[in-house]
C-alpha atoms as a PDB file:
ATOM      1  CA  MET A   1      -6.650  -4.716  24.445  1.00  0.00           C
ATOM      2  CA  ASP A   2      -4.819  -7.492  22.493  1.00  0.00           C
ATOM      3  CA  ILE A   3      -5.746  -8.184  18.957  1.00  0.00           C
ATOM      4  CA  MET A   4      -6.018 -11.862  17.724  1.00  0.00           C
ATOM      5  CA  LYS A   5      -2.526 -13.383  17.161  1.00  0.00           C
ATOM      6  CA  LYS A   6      -3.813 -15.613  14.198  1.00  0.00           C
ATOM      7  CA  PHE A   7      -6.462 -15.270  11.763  1.00  0.00           C
ATOM      8  CA  ARG A   8      -7.173 -17.292   8.665  1.00  0.00           C
ATOM      9  CA  GLY A   9      -3.900 -19.078   9.197  1.00  0.00           C
ATOM     10  CA  LYS A  10      -1.724 -15.963   9.265  1.00  0.00           C
ATOM     11  CA  GLU A  11      -0.078 -13.994  12.113  1.00  0.00           C
ATOM     12  CA  VAL A  12      -1.688 -10.693  12.713  1.00  0.00           C
ATOM     13  CA  ILE A  13       0.887  -8.026  13.076  1.00  0.00           C
ATOM     14  CA  GLY A  14      -1.609  -4.982  13.455  1.00  0.00           C
ATOM     15  CA  TRP A  15      -4.614  -3.355  11.679  1.00  0.00           C
ATOM     16  CA  ARG A  16      -4.734  -0.159   9.859  1.00  0.00           C
ATOM     17  CA  GLY A  17      -7.902   2.265   9.185  1.00  0.00           C
ATOM     18  CA  LEU A  18      -7.750   4.304   6.049  1.00  0.00           C
ATOM     19  CA  GLU A  19     -10.352   6.931   5.037  1.00  0.00           C
ATOM     20  CA  ALA A  20     -10.870   9.186   1.835  1.00  0.00           C
ATOM     21  CA  SER A  21     -13.381  11.196   0.150  1.00  0.00           C
ATOM     22  CA  THR A  22     -13.494   9.220  -2.954  1.00  0.00           C
ATOM     23  CA  LEU A  23     -13.264   5.603  -3.715  1.00  0.00           C
ATOM     24  CA  ASN A  24     -10.406   6.154  -6.189  1.00  0.00           C
ATOM     25  CA  GLU A  25      -8.493   7.837  -3.519  1.00  0.00           C
ATOM     26  CA  LEU A  26      -9.315   5.071  -1.158  1.00  0.00           C
ATOM     27  CA  MET A  27      -8.143   2.458  -3.526  1.00  0.00           C
ATOM     28  CA  GLN A  28      -4.813   4.311  -4.104  1.00  0.00           C
ATOM     29  CA  LYS A  29      -4.195   4.340  -0.383  1.00  0.00           C
ATOM     30  CA  THR A  30      -5.072   0.744  -0.134  1.00  0.00           C
ATOM     31  CA  ASN A  31      -2.739  -0.114  -2.915  1.00  0.00           C
ATOM     32  CA  LYS A  32       0.251   1.800  -1.257  1.00  0.00           C
ATOM     33  CA  LEU A  33      -0.335  -0.284   1.970  1.00  0.00           C
ATOM     34  CA  MET A  34      -0.417  -3.590  -0.022  1.00  0.00           C
ATOM     35  CA  GLU A  35       3.060  -2.701  -1.144  1.00  0.00           C
ATOM     36  CA  GLU A  36       4.412  -3.063   2.542  1.00  0.00           C
ATOM     37  CA  PHE A  37       1.913  -5.622   3.979  1.00  0.00           C
ATOM     38  CA  ASP A  38      -0.030  -8.678   3.217  1.00  0.00           C
ATOM     39  CA  PHE A  39      -3.799  -8.324   3.911  1.00  0.00           C
ATOM     40  CA  ILE A  40      -5.664 -10.847   6.117  1.00  0.00           C
ATOM     41  CA  ASP A  41      -8.920  -9.238   5.879  1.00  0.00           C
ATOM     42  CA  THR A  42     -10.621  -5.980   4.727  1.00  0.00           C
ATOM     43  CA  GLN A  43     -13.927  -4.328   5.668  1.00  0.00           C
ATOM     44  CA  TYR A  44     -14.934  -1.569   3.284  1.00  0.00           C
ATOM     45  CA  SER A  45     -17.829   0.936   4.120  1.00  0.00           C
ATOM     46  CA  SER A  46     -19.158   4.052   2.747  1.00  0.00           C
ATOM     47  CA  HIS A  47     -21.017   6.868   4.431  1.00  0.00           C
ATOM     48  CA  THR A  48     -23.023   9.953   3.297  1.00  0.00           C
ATOM     49  CA  TYR A  49     -23.943  12.740   5.338  1.00  0.00           C
ATOM     50  CA  ARG A  50     -25.564  15.873   3.941  1.00  0.00           C
ATOM     51  CA  ASN A  51     -24.750  15.018   0.225  1.00  0.00           C
ATOM     52  CA  ALA A  52     -20.957  14.527   1.247  1.00  0.00           C
ATOM     53  CA  SER A  53     -19.630  10.899   0.793  1.00  0.00           C
ATOM     54  CA  SER A  54     -16.612   9.282   2.449  1.00  0.00           C
ATOM     55  CA  TYR A  55     -15.182   5.899   2.256  1.00  0.00           C
ATOM     56  CA  SER A  56     -13.174   3.896   4.727  1.00  0.00           C
ATOM     57  CA  VAL A  57     -11.528   0.468   5.167  1.00  0.00           C
ATOM     58  CA  ILE A  58     -10.051  -1.449   8.181  1.00  0.00           C
ATOM     59  CA  VAL A  59      -7.365  -3.975   7.295  1.00  0.00           C
ATOM     60  CA  LEU A  60      -5.679  -6.661   9.350  1.00  0.00           C
ATOM     61  CA  LEU A  61      -2.169  -6.910   8.296  1.00  0.00           C
ATOM     62  CA  ALA A  62       0.266  -9.702   8.157  1.00  0.00           C
ATOM     63  CA  GLU A  63       4.138  -9.677   7.438  1.00  0.00           C
ATOM     64  CA  LYS A  64       4.744  -9.366   3.696  1.00  0.00           C
ATOM     65  CA  GLU A  65       5.591 -12.947   2.253  1.00  0.00           C
ATOM     66  CA  ASP A  66       8.368 -13.085  -0.365  1.00  0.00           C
END
């Protein structure tokens, strides 16, 4: 399946899904990814199942602009 070529005026080069057991850990992973790519859009979510929480984000990526 082809992903969109352009979104919000930027060329989409891919997407990443990140998951973590704490929000702090998810933010650290997200910040590390931001060093390599520009983000076009993000969608965060949190889940709780049997008193255990997890956090995730899906990110559309663009080439890093100088």
